[in-house]
Amino acid sequence: MTRRSASLSRPCRLVRSVSGGGHPIHGALFEPELGENRGVVVLHSHGTLGNFYFNPFIDEFARFYCENGISFLTFNHLTHDAMAESEINGKLEYIGGSVSDFSSCLDDFEALRDFLGEIGYQHFIMQGHSLGCERVILDRQKASKSWPVILLAPVNSYATQHAWCTERLGLTVNELTERILTNPSDALRTDIYGSPSSDPEWDYHIPVFESAYLSFVQSEAFFYFSPERTSLTSIDEALVIFSKKDAFHSLYDGDLQDFFRSVVGVGSKFKAFDCNHDFEGRMNSVCEACVAFVKERTGVFD
């Protein structure tokens, strides 16, 4: 009989917090030594319809950070997975990436920083993967205080959706938006949002209600990494980890590496690795770069 793949992560503790809107927030906190050295913590923001534990690289980040005296919190946004149950004031509601508003990530970040501050943490690093990159930049633009950020495998979300609209619908992004606004529906749509790719692994539709879709494509974050449309002039205090073999980059005609090199600002670094969107084959190098950045930007390990 073929042995099933299995593994154990580093020990962690479940985190249960509550957003300002009353929804539970769940995650896992990995600490170097339980209850000690609560100085620096990295908060990890997952990608589109993701969650706090699915990606195998979560285990590696937890191991590398903790072995270097850095705590690591991976958590579910209100927009985690596609659809999930949530209880608020004794009433069952459905949340998730297919349902909830993109900007709810701001409340998630604030609630968790408040919780971490209450248990002793003073230095925060905001880390995003894929669509999590737009989330942490939006948080930086809107929060009262800026924290260093790590952007893992950022992509041009506008270009991805533009490719979906033109290839699958024969429309521009703006034309699709106008159609939705003119004739709104409360049905779950499986045709308006997705990832077109010649690689079968990365070609898929994303189920979404129109309100959740509009909350992203009508936000400033949708255009952050589109060179022709971005409102960003520089990204300070950031580490950008670029994946050269990312299937999403084939959807953009320009050189996205050049764009990120041009916007990294004061205290920022840009690194490009020969790996895919999930860092296969270069995970150790990615983790080492992140650890070095955290130590350098926080200055608490001198």
Protein backbone atom coordinates (compact mmCIF):
# COMPACT_ATOMS: atom_id res chain seq x y z
CA MET A 1 0.00 0.00 0.00
CA THR A 2 1.29 3.45 -0.89
CA ARG A 3 2.04 5.53 2.18
CA ARG A 4 0.04 8.74 2.34
CA SER A 5 2.00 11.95 2.64
CA ALA A 6 1.84 13.43 6.13
CA SER A 7 3.73 15.95 8.22
CA LEU A 8 3.74 17.79 11.54
CA SER A 9 4.30 21.51 11.81
CA ARG A 10 6.18 23.29 14.55
CA PRO A 11 4.05 23.55 17.73
CA CYS A 12 1.71 26.53 17.76
CA ARG A 13 -1.29 27.92 19.57
CA LEU A 14 -4.67 28.64 18.04
CA VAL A 15 -5.58 32.32 18.06
CA ARG A 16 -9.20 33.35 18.39
CA SER A 17 -9.91 37.05 18.13
CA VAL A 18 -12.87 39.15 17.03
CA SER A 19 -13.05 41.76 14.28
CA GLY A 20 -14.55 45.17 14.87
CA GLY A 21 -17.61 43.91 13.04
CA GLY A 22 -18.01 41.08 15.54
CA HIS A 23 -16.87 38.19 13.36
CA PRO A 24 -14.43 35.62 14.81
CA ILE A 25 -10.88 35.66 13.46
CA HIS A 26 -8.93 32.40 13.62
CA GLY A 27 -5.25 31.70 13.16
CA ALA A 28 -2.13 30.04 14.52
CA LEU A 29 0.65 31.74 16.48
CA PHE A 30 4.12 30.21 16.31
CA GLU A 31 6.53 31.48 18.97
CA PRO A 32 10.27 30.76 19.47
CA GLU A 33 9.71 29.93 23.14
CA LEU A 34 6.21 29.76 24.57
CA GLY A 35 5.41 33.01 26.33
CA GLU A 36 8.93 34.43 25.96
CA ASN A 37 10.74 36.83 23.64
CA ARG A 38 7.57 38.57 22.55
CA GLY A 39 9.31 41.32 20.64
CA VAL A 40 8.83 40.81 16.89
CA VAL A 41 5.97 39.08 15.08
CA VAL A 42 5.28 38.59 11.38
CA LEU A 43 1.58 38.66 10.40
CA HIS A 44 0.91 36.61 7.27
CA SER A 45 -1.91 37.61 4.90
CA HIS A 46 -3.05 34.79 2.60
CA GLY A 47 -4.01 35.03 -1.08
CA THR A 48 -7.30 34.94 -2.97
CA LEU A 49 -9.81 32.64 -1.23
CA GLY A 50 -6.92 31.14 0.72
CA ASN A 51 -6.65 30.41 4.43
CA PHE A 52 -4.09 30.39 7.22
CA TYR A 53 -2.85 26.80 6.86
CA PHE A 54 -3.33 25.41 3.34
CA ASN A 55 -0.03 26.42 1.70
CA PRO A 56 2.85 24.07 2.63
CA PHE A 57 5.22 27.03 2.82
CA ILE A 58 3.45 28.16 6.01
CA ASP A 59 5.29 25.39 7.91
CA GLU A 60 8.63 26.53 6.52
CA PHE A 61 8.08 30.17 7.39
CA ALA A 62 7.09 29.15 10.92
CA ARG A 63 10.24 27.06 11.29
CA PHE A 64 12.66 29.65 9.91
CA TYR A 65 11.17 32.56 11.83
CA CYS A 66 11.02 30.73 15.15
CA GLU A 67 14.55 29.36 14.81
CA ASN A 68 15.67 32.96 14.48
CA GLY A 69 13.76 34.32 17.46
CA ILE A 70 10.86 35.75 15.42
CA SER A 71 7.21 34.92 16.06
CA PHE A 72 4.83 34.17 13.19
CA LEU A 73 1.06 34.61 13.04
CA THR A 74 -0.86 33.16 10.12
CA PHE A 75 -4.59 33.89 10.17
CA ASN A 76 -7.84 33.83 8.27
CA HIS A 77 -9.17 37.03 6.79
CA LEU A 78 -12.92 37.47 6.73
CA THR A 79 -12.45 36.71 3.02
CA HIS A 80 -10.85 33.30 3.64
CA ASP A 81 -11.73 30.32 1.44
CA ALA A 82 -14.79 30.73 -0.79
CA MET A 83 -17.56 30.45 1.76
CA ALA A 84 -17.60 29.64 5.47
CA GLU A 85 -19.89 29.87 8.48
CA SER A 86 -19.47 32.69 10.99
CA GLU A 87 -21.49 33.55 14.06
CA ILE A 88 -22.08 37.14 15.08
CA ASN A 89 -24.30 38.11 18.00
CA GLY A 90 -25.73 34.59 18.08
CA LYS A 91 -26.74 34.70 14.41
CA LEU A 92 -25.22 32.48 11.73
CA GLU A 93 -23.86 34.33 8.70
CA TYR A 94 -21.87 33.27 5.67
CA ILE A 95 -18.55 34.91 4.95
CA GLY A 96 -15.57 34.18 2.71
CA GLY A 97 -13.76 35.39 -0.37
CA SER A 98 -16.80 34.77 -2.53
CA VAL A 99 -19.04 36.80 -0.22
CA SER A 100 -17.24 39.36 1.91
CA ASP A 101 -15.94 42.83 1.15
CA PHE A 102 -12.25 43.07 0.21
CA SER A 103 -11.67 46.08 2.48
CA SER A 104 -12.62 43.99 5.54
CA CYS A 105 -8.93 43.03 5.63
CA LEU A 106 -8.22 46.41 7.26
CA ASP A 107 -10.36 45.50 10.26
CA ASP A 108 -8.73 42.05 10.43
CA PHE A 109 -5.23 43.55 10.61
CA GLU A 110 -6.20 46.12 13.23
CA ALA A 111 -7.92 43.56 15.47
CA LEU A 112 -4.94 41.22 15.41
CA ARG A 113 -2.36 43.93 16.03
CA ASP A 114 -4.44 45.04 19.02
CA PHE A 115 -4.51 41.47 20.34
CA LEU A 116 -0.78 40.95 19.81
CA GLY A 117 -0.01 44.25 21.50
CA GLU A 118 -2.04 43.18 24.52
CA ILE A 119 0.11 40.06 24.97
CA GLY A 120 3.38 41.93 24.68
CA TYR A 121 4.39 42.33 21.04
CA GLN A 122 5.82 45.68 20.00
CA HIS A 123 7.23 45.22 16.50
CA PHE A 124 5.05 44.08 13.60
CA ILE A 125 6.00 43.00 10.08
CA MET A 126 3.10 42.68 7.64
CA GLN A 127 3.66 39.83 5.17
CA GLY A 128 1.43 39.11 2.19
CA HIS A 129 1.41 36.35 -0.41
CA SER A 130 -0.27 36.82 -3.81
CA LEU A 131 -3.43 38.91 -3.20
CA GLY A 132 -2.21 39.29 0.38
CA CYS A 133 0.36 41.73 -1.05
CA GLU A 134 -2.38 44.17 -2.07
CA ARG A 135 -3.95 43.75 1.35
CA VAL A 136 -0.84 44.71 3.30
CA ILE A 137 -0.20 47.70 1.04
CA LEU A 138 -3.81 48.85 1.46
CA ASP A 139 -3.36 48.48 5.21
CA ARG A 140 -0.22 50.60 5.07
CA GLN A 141 -2.06 53.30 3.09
CA LYS A 142 -4.98 53.42 5.52
CA ALA A 143 -3.53 52.58 8.96
CA SER A 144 -2.47 55.26 11.43
CA LYS A 145 1.03 53.77 11.61
CA SER A 146 3.21 52.19 8.94
CA TRP A 147 4.89 48.84 9.50
CA PRO A 148 7.54 47.17 7.32
CA VAL A 149 6.03 44.82 4.72
CA ILE A 150 7.09 41.66 2.92
CA LEU A 151 5.51 41.11 -0.50
CA LEU A 152 5.69 37.46 -1.58
CA ALA A 153 5.01 36.66 -5.24
CA PRO A 154 3.04 39.84 -6.01
CA VAL A 155 1.17 39.85 -9.31
CA ASN A 156 -0.53 42.39 -11.54
CA SER A 157 -4.14 41.70 -10.49
CA TYR A 158 -5.53 44.10 -13.07
CA ALA A 159 -3.69 42.31 -15.90
CA THR A 160 -4.91 38.92 -14.64
CA GLN A 161 -8.53 40.04 -14.60
CA HIS A 162 -8.14 41.88 -17.91
CA ALA A 163 -6.95 38.63 -19.49
CA TRP A 164 -9.90 36.76 -18.00
CA CYS A 165 -12.42 39.30 -19.25
CA THR A 166 -11.03 39.49 -22.78
CA GLU A 167 -10.35 35.78 -23.27
CA ARG A 168 -13.43 34.33 -21.55
CA LEU A 169 -16.04 37.08 -21.86
CA GLY A 170 -14.98 39.22 -24.81
CA LEU A 171 -15.21 42.32 -22.59
CA THR A 172 -12.93 44.81 -20.93
CA VAL A 173 -12.82 45.02 -17.14
CA ASN A 174 -14.68 48.35 -17.30
CA GLU A 175 -17.36 46.92 -19.58
CA LEU A 176 -17.95 44.01 -17.21
CA THR A 177 -18.20 46.39 -14.27
CA GLU A 178 -20.74 48.54 -16.10
CA ARG A 179 -22.84 45.48 -16.98
CA ILE A 180 -22.90 44.39 -13.35
CA LEU A 181 -23.83 47.87 -12.12
CA THR A 182 -26.55 48.21 -14.76
CA ASN A 183 -28.10 44.80 -14.21
CA PRO A 184 -27.05 43.55 -10.75
CA SER A 185 -27.63 39.98 -9.62
CA ASP A 186 -27.61 38.33 -6.20
CA ALA A 187 -26.55 34.98 -7.69
CA LEU A 188 -23.17 33.35 -7.16
CA ARG A 189 -21.25 33.93 -10.41
CA THR A 190 -18.69 31.48 -11.80
CA ASP A 191 -17.92 33.39 -14.99
CA ILE A 192 -16.80 36.90 -14.04
CA TYR A 193 -13.56 36.30 -12.12
CA GLY A 194 -10.68 33.91 -12.59
CA SER A 195 -7.16 33.05 -13.64
CA PRO A 196 -6.61 32.22 -17.32
CA SER A 197 -3.40 30.32 -17.99
CA SER A 198 -1.82 27.90 -20.44
CA ASP A 199 -0.72 25.98 -17.33
CA PRO A 200 -3.69 23.81 -16.25
CA GLU A 201 -2.68 24.13 -12.60
CA TRP A 202 -3.22 27.88 -12.69
CA ASP A 203 -6.25 28.04 -15.02
CA TYR A 204 -9.42 28.23 -12.96
CA HIS A 205 -12.55 30.27 -12.33
CA ILE A 206 -13.19 31.87 -8.97
CA PRO A 207 -16.80 31.74 -7.70
CA VAL A 208 -17.88 35.13 -6.40
CA PHE A 209 -20.94 37.23 -5.71
CA GLU A 210 -21.00 40.47 -7.66
CA SER A 211 -20.79 42.65 -4.55
CA ALA A 212 -17.58 40.92 -3.40
CA TYR A 213 -16.12 41.16 -6.91
CA LEU A 214 -16.87 44.88 -7.15
CA SER A 215 -15.39 45.53 -3.71
CA PHE A 216 -11.99 44.54 -5.12
CA VAL A 217 -12.02 45.74 -8.73
CA GLN A 218 -13.36 49.14 -7.68
CA SER A 219 -10.73 49.56 -4.95
CA GLU A 220 -7.37 51.29 -5.31
CA ALA A 221 -5.68 48.00 -4.37
CA PHE A 222 -6.78 46.40 -7.66
CA PHE A 223 -4.40 48.72 -9.52
CA TYR A 224 -1.42 48.79 -7.12
CA PHE A 225 0.81 46.54 -9.22
CA SER A 226 -0.39 47.67 -12.64
CA PRO A 227 2.43 49.95 -13.84
CA GLU A 228 0.16 52.07 -16.02
CA ARG A 229 -2.56 52.54 -13.40
CA THR A 230 -0.95 52.41 -9.97
CA SER A 231 -1.27 55.15 -7.40
CA LEU A 232 1.99 54.01 -5.77
CA THR A 233 5.09 56.10 -6.34
CA SER A 234 7.36 54.16 -3.98
CA ILE A 235 7.15 51.31 -1.49
CA ASP A 236 9.34 52.06 1.51
CA GLU A 237 10.43 49.62 4.22
CA ALA A 238 9.55 46.62 2.05
CA LEU A 239 11.03 43.34 0.90
CA VAL A 240 9.70 42.28 -2.49
CA ILE A 241 10.19 38.60 -3.33
CA PHE A 242 9.58 38.15 -7.06
CA SER A 243 8.91 34.71 -8.57
CA LYS A 244 10.42 34.61 -12.07
CA LYS A 245 8.48 31.51 -13.12
CA ASP A 246 5.13 32.72 -11.79
CA ALA A 247 2.40 31.65 -14.25
CA PHE A 248 0.52 34.89 -13.56
CA HIS A 249 3.29 37.00 -15.11
CA SER A 250 2.53 35.68 -18.59
CA LEU A 251 -0.65 37.78 -18.51
CA TYR A 252 1.25 41.06 -18.61
CA ASP A 253 3.11 42.37 -21.67
CA GLY A 254 5.63 44.46 -19.78
CA ASP A 255 8.40 43.46 -17.39
CA LEU A 256 6.93 43.35 -13.90
CA GLN A 257 10.41 42.97 -12.43
CA ASP A 258 11.31 46.42 -13.77
CA PHE A 259 8.17 47.87 -12.20
CA PHE A 260 8.95 46.55 -8.73
CA ARG A 261 12.59 47.55 -9.01
CA SER A 262 11.43 51.08 -9.85
CA VAL A 263 9.05 51.46 -6.90
CA VAL A 264 11.13 49.98 -4.07
CA GLY A 265 11.97 52.95 -1.88
CA VAL A 266 13.83 53.85 1.30
CA GLY A 267 14.75 50.79 3.37
CA SER A 268 13.40 48.43 0.71
CA LYS A 269 14.94 45.45 -1.07
CA PHE A 270 14.02 43.53 -4.22
CA LYS A 271 14.91 39.87 -4.76
CA ALA A 272 13.96 37.64 -7.67
CA PHE A 273 14.12 33.84 -7.51
CA ASP A 274 13.75 31.14 -10.17
CA CYS A 275 10.59 29.62 -8.72
CA ASN A 276 6.85 29.49 -9.19
CA HIS A 277 4.10 31.31 -7.30
CA ASP A 278 4.53 28.98 -4.30
CA PHE A 279 8.38 29.13 -4.22
CA GLU A 280 8.92 25.46 -5.11
CA GLY A 281 12.62 24.65 -5.10
CA ARG A 282 13.67 27.98 -3.54
CA MET A 283 11.80 27.97 -0.24
CA ASN A 284 14.92 28.04 1.93
CA SER A 285 16.31 31.04 0.05
CA VAL A 286 13.02 32.89 0.33
CA CYS A 287 12.78 32.24 4.08
CA GLU A 288 16.39 33.27 4.64
CA ALA A 289 15.80 36.55 2.80
CA CYS A 290 12.69 37.24 4.90
CA VAL A 291 14.48 36.51 8.18
CA ALA A 292 17.37 38.81 7.22
CA PHE A 293 14.94 41.60 6.32
CA VAL A 294 13.01 41.30 9.58
CA LYS A 295 16.21 41.42 11.64
CA GLU A 296 17.50 44.40 9.71
CA ARG A 297 14.30 46.44 9.81
CA THR A 298 13.45 45.84 13.47
CA GLY A 299 16.94 46.16 14.92
CA VAL A 300 16.04 44.19 18.03
CA PHE A 301 18.47 41.33 17.38
CA ASP A 302 21.68 43.36 17.54
